[in-house]
Amino acid sequence: MGRPGGGAPLKTSSGKIKNFRIEDPQLRFQFHAPDRNIVDNDLRYRIPLKDQRMYKMELDEMVKEKQEIIEENRKKEMIRDQQLNLIGDPWGTPCPGGVIWRDPKSIGKNFFRSLGYVDGSILKLGSHPNDNKE
C-alpha cells in the first residue's frame, strides 16, 4: 500500500506530498481548437494591474467630465425655461375673465358678459337682464 500510483498520493523522499506539475497552456490546448484562441487572447492582451488601475482612473475622469457637462447643460436649460416663462403666455388665460389678449371689438362688445362674467365675478342666476324671473 505504500507504493505510489494507483490512487495513493505521491510523496517526496522527505515525506511531503509531491505537487503536480503546472501545465503550460500553450501545450495543453490544441492549436486549432476553439479554446486555444481564448487562451492566446488572454495571455497576449493581459495588462499589468498597475496599468489597469491607471486606465480605470482615466475612464472615471472621462465619465465625471461628461456628467458635469450634462449637469451644466441641464442648468442652462432650466434658466432658459424660467426666462421664457417670465415673458408670459402669448395666448392669455384659458378662461374668460382673465387678461384680455384680443381686441374686444374683434370678438364682440358683450362677449364676456354673455359668458356670465362682469368685472371678473360670476353673475348669479337671475341677475342677468335676459334671465326670466319667475
Protein backbone atom coordinates (compact mmCIF):
# COMPACT_ATOMS: atom_id res chain seq x y z
CA MET A 1 0.00 0.00 0.00
CA GLY A 2 2.91 2.35 0.41
CA ARG A 3 3.78 2.25 -3.28
CA PRO A 4 2.96 5.42 -5.24
CA GLY A 5 0.37 5.36 -8.00
CA GLY A 6 -2.97 3.62 -8.17
CA GLY A 7 -4.64 6.44 -6.22
CA ALA A 8 -2.08 6.69 -3.43
CA PRO A 9 -0.51 10.16 -3.08
CA LEU A 10 2.98 10.65 -4.42
CA LYS A 11 5.48 11.64 -1.73
CA THR A 12 8.95 13.06 -1.89
CA SER A 13 11.90 11.49 -0.10
CA SER A 14 11.28 13.80 2.87
CA GLY A 15 7.69 12.55 3.19
CA LYS A 16 5.86 15.60 1.83
CA ILE A 17 3.15 15.19 -0.78
CA LYS A 18 4.53 15.95 -4.21
CA ASN A 19 2.86 18.82 -6.04
CA PHE A 20 1.55 18.29 -9.50
CA ARG A 21 3.32 19.94 -12.33
CA ILE A 22 1.76 23.20 -13.55
CA GLU A 23 0.90 22.79 -17.18
CA ASP A 24 1.74 25.27 -19.88
CA PRO A 25 -1.49 26.44 -21.55
CA GLN A 26 0.33 26.67 -24.87
CA LEU A 27 0.96 22.92 -24.73
CA ARG A 28 -2.32 21.88 -23.13
CA PHE A 29 -4.69 23.32 -25.73
CA GLN A 30 -4.60 22.19 -29.32
CA PHE A 31 -3.65 24.73 -31.97
CA HIS A 32 -6.91 24.61 -33.89
CA ALA A 33 -9.32 24.07 -31.02
CA PRO A 34 -11.75 26.92 -30.15
CA ASP A 35 -10.41 27.03 -26.59
CA ARG A 36 -6.91 27.74 -27.84
CA ASN A 37 -7.92 31.16 -29.17
CA ILE A 38 -9.33 32.14 -25.76
CA VAL A 39 -6.08 31.23 -24.01
CA ASP A 40 -3.96 33.02 -26.61
CA ASN A 41 -6.00 36.21 -26.29
CA ASP A 42 -5.87 36.06 -22.50
CA LEU A 43 -2.09 35.71 -22.47
CA ARG A 44 -1.46 38.15 -25.30
CA TYR A 45 -3.61 41.02 -24.04
CA ARG A 46 -3.06 40.64 -20.31
CA ILE A 47 -2.36 44.07 -18.77
CA PRO A 48 -0.47 44.59 -15.52
CA LEU A 49 -2.60 45.58 -12.52
CA LYS A 50 -0.92 48.99 -12.26
CA ASP A 51 -1.84 49.81 -15.87
CA GLN A 52 -5.40 48.56 -15.31
CA ARG A 53 -5.81 50.94 -12.37
CA MET A 54 -4.42 53.87 -14.37
CA TYR A 55 -6.83 53.10 -17.22
CA LYS A 56 -9.76 52.89 -14.79
CA MET A 57 -8.82 56.27 -13.33
CA GLU A 58 -8.76 57.77 -16.84
CA LEU A 59 -12.18 56.30 -17.62
CA ASP A 60 -13.60 57.56 -14.31
CA GLU A 61 -12.26 61.04 -15.10
CA MET A 62 -13.92 60.99 -18.54
CA VAL A 63 -17.25 59.85 -17.06
CA LYS A 64 -17.06 62.61 -14.43
CA GLU A 65 -16.38 65.27 -17.09
CA LYS A 66 -19.30 64.03 -19.18
CA GLN A 67 -21.65 64.13 -16.17
CA GLU A 68 -20.51 67.68 -15.38
CA ILE A 69 -21.24 68.77 -18.96
CA ILE A 70 -24.70 67.16 -18.81
CA GLU A 71 -25.43 68.86 -15.47
CA GLU A 72 -24.25 72.22 -16.83
CA ASN A 73 -26.49 71.86 -19.90
CA ARG A 74 -29.42 70.93 -17.65
CA LYS A 75 -28.90 74.08 -15.57
CA LYS A 76 -28.72 76.23 -18.72
CA GLU A 77 -31.98 74.68 -19.95
CA MET A 78 -33.69 75.41 -16.63
CA ILE A 79 -32.53 79.04 -16.68
CA ARG A 80 -33.71 79.46 -20.29
CA ASP A 81 -37.10 77.90 -19.46
CA GLN A 82 -37.51 80.23 -16.48
CA GLN A 83 -36.72 83.25 -18.67
CA LEU A 84 -39.26 82.12 -21.26
CA ASN A 85 -41.88 81.65 -18.54
CA LEU A 86 -41.32 85.21 -17.33
CA ILE A 87 -42.34 86.54 -20.73
CA GLY A 88 -45.80 85.14 -20.19
CA ASP A 89 -48.25 83.05 -22.08
CA PRO A 90 -48.88 84.55 -25.54
CA TRP A 91 -52.46 83.25 -25.54
CA GLY A 92 -53.59 84.72 -22.23
CA THR A 93 -55.51 82.72 -19.67
CA PRO A 94 -57.71 79.85 -20.85
CA CYS A 95 -60.85 81.05 -19.10
CA PRO A 96 -63.00 84.13 -19.57
CA GLY A 97 -62.36 86.99 -17.19
CA GLY A 98 -58.62 86.67 -17.49
CA VAL A 99 -56.27 89.15 -19.06
CA ILE A 100 -57.68 90.37 -22.35
CA TRP A 101 -55.34 89.38 -25.10
CA ARG A 102 -57.55 90.25 -28.06
CA ASP A 103 -59.25 93.44 -29.02
CA PRO A 104 -62.83 93.32 -27.64
CA LYS A 105 -64.13 94.76 -30.94
CA SER A 106 -62.97 91.66 -32.80
CA ILE A 107 -64.92 89.30 -30.51
CA GLY A 108 -67.95 91.39 -29.72
CA LYS A 109 -68.82 94.01 -27.16
CA ASN A 110 -70.71 91.73 -24.75
CA PHE A 111 -68.69 88.54 -25.19
CA PHE A 112 -67.55 88.19 -21.56
CA ARG A 113 -70.95 89.32 -20.26
CA SER A 114 -72.64 86.59 -22.32
CA LEU A 115 -70.41 84.03 -20.60
CA GLY A 116 -71.50 85.23 -17.17
CA TYR A 117 -68.57 87.44 -16.22
CA VAL A 118 -68.75 91.10 -15.26
CA ASP A 119 -65.63 92.65 -13.76
CA GLY A 120 -64.19 89.17 -13.16
CA SER A 121 -67.06 87.96 -10.97
CA ILE A 122 -69.59 85.35 -11.93
CA LEU A 123 -73.13 86.59 -12.36
CA LYS A 124 -75.72 84.95 -10.17
CA LEU A 125 -78.75 83.36 -11.72
CA GLY A 126 -81.40 85.97 -12.22
CA SER A 127 -79.08 88.94 -12.21
CA HIS A 128 -78.61 88.95 -15.99
CA PRO A 129 -81.10 91.13 -17.93
CA ASN A 130 -82.03 88.24 -20.22
CA ASP A 131 -82.83 85.85 -17.36
CA ASN A 132 -86.54 85.19 -16.79
CA LYS A 133 -87.60 85.99 -13.28
CA GLU A 134 -90.45 83.70 -12.47
